[in-house]
C-alpha cells in the first residue's frame, strides 16, 4: 500500500515522503494514528501544492530577513550600565537588554534571536550576532557606556 508520511519516522522516512508499507501495518497502525495517509492522486496533488506554498513562504521570509539584516548592520545601540572599580560592570548585559534597546530604535527582535558568545561584563564596543529566519545572520554593534 502506498502512503504519504505526515510525521518523521526513523526507519520509514521523512514528512512528505511516499512510501510503500504492508496493508496491515498501514491500516492498523499508520493511518489510525495520523502518521500517514493514502497516496492517491488527489492526496499527492495536495501534497505537491502544500510543498509549493511552504517553499514560497520560506522564500518570502528569507527576503524579509535579508532586508532586516541589512538594516541591523547599520544599527548600533547604546546601553548605559553602572560601573564599579576598574570599569567593571555591576552585572552583565543580557540579550533581553539588547532586544529592548533595539526596540527603542524601531527594530523588533526576540531575545532568543540574539546570540551572545560570552557575557558582556565590561565597557566597550561589541559586535553581537543576530540569527534571523531563513538561516540569515547579521551583526549589531553594541556600545556599553558608563551611566
Protein backbone atom coordinates (compact mmCIF):
# COMPACT_ATOMS: atom_id res chain seq x y z
CA UNK A 1 0.00 0.00 0.00
CA UNK A 2 1.38 3.42 -0.96
CA UNK A 3 1.25 6.08 1.75
CA UNK A 4 2.38 9.66 2.31
CA UNK A 5 4.02 10.31 5.68
CA UNK A 6 2.75 13.11 7.93
CA UNK A 7 5.48 12.67 10.56
CA UNK A 8 9.13 11.71 10.54
CA UNK A 9 9.55 8.01 11.26
CA UNK A 10 13.13 6.84 11.72
CA UNK A 11 13.01 3.66 9.62
CA UNK A 12 10.34 4.76 7.13
CA UNK A 13 11.15 8.29 6.02
CA UNK A 14 10.51 11.98 6.49
CA UNK A 15 7.40 14.14 6.25
CA UNK A 16 6.00 14.16 2.70
CA UNK A 17 7.81 11.01 1.52
CA UNK A 18 5.77 8.50 -0.47
CA UNK A 19 6.43 5.04 0.99
CA UNK A 20 5.23 1.51 0.48
CA UNK A 21 4.02 -0.33 3.58
CA UNK A 22 2.26 -3.63 4.18
CA UNK A 23 -1.54 -3.37 4.22
CA UNK A 24 -2.00 -4.43 7.85
CA UNK A 25 0.71 -2.09 9.17
CA UNK A 26 -0.79 0.80 7.21
CA UNK A 27 -4.46 0.16 8.12
CA UNK A 28 -3.92 -0.79 11.75
CA UNK A 29 -1.07 1.50 12.82
CA UNK A 30 -0.03 4.30 10.45
CA UNK A 31 -3.40 5.61 9.25
CA UNK A 32 -5.33 5.47 12.59
CA UNK A 33 -2.52 7.34 14.38
CA UNK A 34 -2.38 10.04 11.66
CA UNK A 35 1.22 9.15 10.85
CA UNK A 36 0.39 8.61 7.17
CA UNK A 37 -2.45 8.86 4.67
CA UNK A 38 -3.21 7.11 1.38
CA UNK A 39 -1.17 8.16 -1.63
CA UNK A 40 -3.98 8.53 -4.15
CA UNK A 41 -3.91 11.13 -6.94
CA UNK A 42 -5.73 13.87 -5.05
CA UNK A 43 -3.56 13.49 -1.92
CA UNK A 44 -0.35 13.54 -3.98
CA UNK A 45 -1.50 16.72 -5.78
CA UNK A 46 -2.45 18.33 -2.45
CA UNK A 47 0.97 17.42 -1.04
CA UNK A 48 2.76 18.96 -4.03
CA UNK A 49 0.69 22.15 -3.71
CA UNK A 50 1.41 22.33 0.02
CA UNK A 51 5.15 21.94 -0.66
CA UNK A 52 4.99 24.80 -3.19
CA UNK A 53 3.20 27.04 -0.68
CA UNK A 54 5.74 26.23 2.05
CA UNK A 55 8.66 26.98 -0.28
CA UNK A 56 7.06 30.30 -1.30
CA UNK A 57 6.54 31.21 2.35
CA UNK A 58 10.16 30.34 3.21
CA UNK A 59 11.43 32.39 0.26
CA UNK A 60 9.35 35.37 1.39
CA UNK A 61 10.64 35.03 4.97
CA UNK A 62 14.22 34.84 3.74
CA UNK A 63 13.85 38.01 1.64
CA UNK A 64 12.39 39.96 4.55
CA UNK A 65 15.16 38.62 6.82
CA UNK A 66 17.81 39.80 4.35
CA UNK A 67 16.29 43.28 4.35
CA UNK A 68 16.24 43.28 8.16
CA UNK A 69 19.85 42.02 8.22
CA UNK A 70 20.95 44.96 6.09
CA UNK A 71 19.14 47.31 8.45
CA UNK A 72 20.74 45.67 11.50
CA UNK A 73 24.25 46.00 10.05
CA UNK A 74 23.78 49.80 10.05
CA UNK A 75 22.27 49.89 13.53
CA UNK A 76 24.16 50.40 16.76
CA UNK A 77 22.69 50.55 20.25
CA UNK A 78 23.99 52.16 23.41
CA UNK A 79 23.39 50.57 26.78
CA UNK A 80 24.16 52.54 29.95
CA UNK A 81 25.34 50.47 32.90
CA UNK A 82 26.54 51.20 36.43
CA UNK A 83 30.28 50.76 36.74
CA UNK A 84 32.46 49.90 39.72
CA UNK A 85 36.21 50.00 40.16
CA UNK A 86 38.45 49.26 37.16
CA UNK A 87 35.49 49.92 34.81
CA UNK A 88 33.81 46.62 35.66
CA UNK A 89 30.06 46.45 35.31
CA UNK A 90 27.66 45.66 38.10
CA UNK A 91 26.08 42.61 36.48
CA UNK A 92 26.24 41.99 32.76
CA UNK A 93 24.49 42.99 29.57
CA UNK A 94 21.89 40.39 28.56
CA UNK A 95 20.21 39.61 25.27
CA UNK A 96 16.97 40.98 26.77
CA UNK A 97 18.62 44.38 27.34
CA UNK A 98 19.91 44.43 23.76
CA UNK A 99 16.46 43.48 22.40
CA UNK A 100 14.85 46.33 24.39
CA UNK A 101 17.46 48.81 23.12
CA UNK A 102 16.79 47.68 19.55
CA UNK A 103 13.04 48.04 20.14
CA UNK A 104 13.59 51.69 21.07
CA UNK A 105 15.33 52.11 17.69
CA UNK A 106 12.31 50.57 15.92
CA UNK A 107 13.75 47.08 15.29
CA UNK A 108 11.71 44.35 16.94
CA UNK A 109 13.61 41.15 17.72
CA UNK A 110 13.06 38.32 20.14
CA UNK A 111 15.78 37.94 22.77
CA UNK A 112 16.35 34.34 21.61
CA UNK A 113 17.46 35.62 18.21
CA UNK A 114 20.38 37.49 19.81
CA UNK A 115 23.37 35.21 20.31
CA UNK A 116 25.86 36.25 22.97
CA UNK A 117 29.03 34.14 22.83
CA UNK A 118 30.30 35.43 26.18
CA UNK A 119 28.66 37.63 28.77
CA UNK A 120 29.33 41.32 28.25
CA UNK A 121 30.82 42.49 31.55
CA UNK A 122 32.99 45.45 30.56
CA UNK A 123 32.73 48.82 28.89
CA UNK A 124 33.39 48.98 25.18
CA UNK A 125 32.09 48.24 21.71
CA UNK A 126 30.95 44.72 20.87
CA UNK A 127 29.64 43.04 17.71
CA UNK A 128 26.73 40.79 18.66
CA UNK A 129 25.43 38.08 16.32
CA UNK A 130 21.73 38.01 15.47
CA UNK A 131 20.08 34.91 13.99
CA UNK A 132 17.11 35.66 11.74
CA UNK A 133 14.53 33.48 9.97
CA UNK A 134 15.57 31.60 6.85
CA UNK A 135 19.11 30.99 8.06
CA UNK A 136 20.09 34.65 7.66
CA UNK A 137 22.58 36.04 10.17
CA UNK A 138 23.60 39.60 10.94
CA UNK A 139 25.56 41.63 13.48
CA UNK A 140 24.61 44.56 15.69
CA UNK A 141 27.10 46.94 17.21
CA UNK A 142 26.53 47.34 20.97
CA UNK A 143 28.13 50.22 22.86
CA UNK A 144 28.33 49.74 26.61
CA UNK A 145 28.91 53.05 28.37
CA UNK A 146 29.01 54.26 31.95
CA UNK A 147 25.78 55.57 33.45
